[in-house]
């Protein structure tokens, strides 16, 4: 009986993951995340097809060790999974419908100051790898793209005539993002002079290559970024996503329209982009301290 139930759960899970992959067009990383969370849930509640709200709430409460954010993520995964089963007529109702998501404290994204970005992007380029790193960093900061989007770029995705990059985002959605003159200069220099040296008569349409003629990996670029931050004396925890946050924050601080920033970042929902307005408002408050009348009377 237990073996039959496990087989049934595996079948439902695979059908759901196929739906996410082929119809929702979710990325591989998201699919792996969903699979992992469903498997963890099935370990705790084997008969998940017949569990009720109380059992689900107890399971989510057991996730409290990892905080409200983890609970909320598990609830989202489970609610979407059960809703799929309802839509497919495999269940009559979604047991997650009446569960209230845990409150989460709003966590403002970390970002670099303009001075820190300038320090990070000032590279002493001597080798083909230095010029590749310089081009990647300039393009990352110029476009605000995700690291997965950056390392997935092909040579033909960069339009040097129109100064645009064709970015393949989440859900296989493509957006067009402009690049500035500095990014264009270093990407073109890398592409015309130094990429052929890395390629060494091999073929690849990937824009950024590692030392094995393969596309640069996310992990590989993260290591490069970490090493550069240490060399530059930047003590913050810096990831490629922090540079993305810096891109959005600096644009808004200098008066960019929120809707335009949303489009550039590839956010489906503007509420995701609005978190950067908190950083922008905080910057305004800090700058306002320079107002000559902004002094407390003694």
Foldseek 3Di string as FASTA:
>chain_A
DLVVLQVVLVVLLVVVLCCCCPPQVFDPVVSVVLVVLVVVVCVVVVNVQPDALVVLVVVLVVVPVVHLVVSQVSLVSQQVSQVVCCVVVVHVDRRSPPPDRDDDDDDFAAADDPVLLVLLLDFPDDALVSLLLNLLSLQCLQQLEDLVQSLQAFQVQADLVVQWGFTQDGSRDTAITHGDPVSSVSLVCSQPPRVCVQQVPPDDRGSRADNVNHGQDQVNSQVVSVVSCVVSVPPDNDHSNNSSLHSLLVCVLVPHDLVVNCRSHVPPDSVVSCSSVVVSVVVVVVVCCPPPVNDDDD
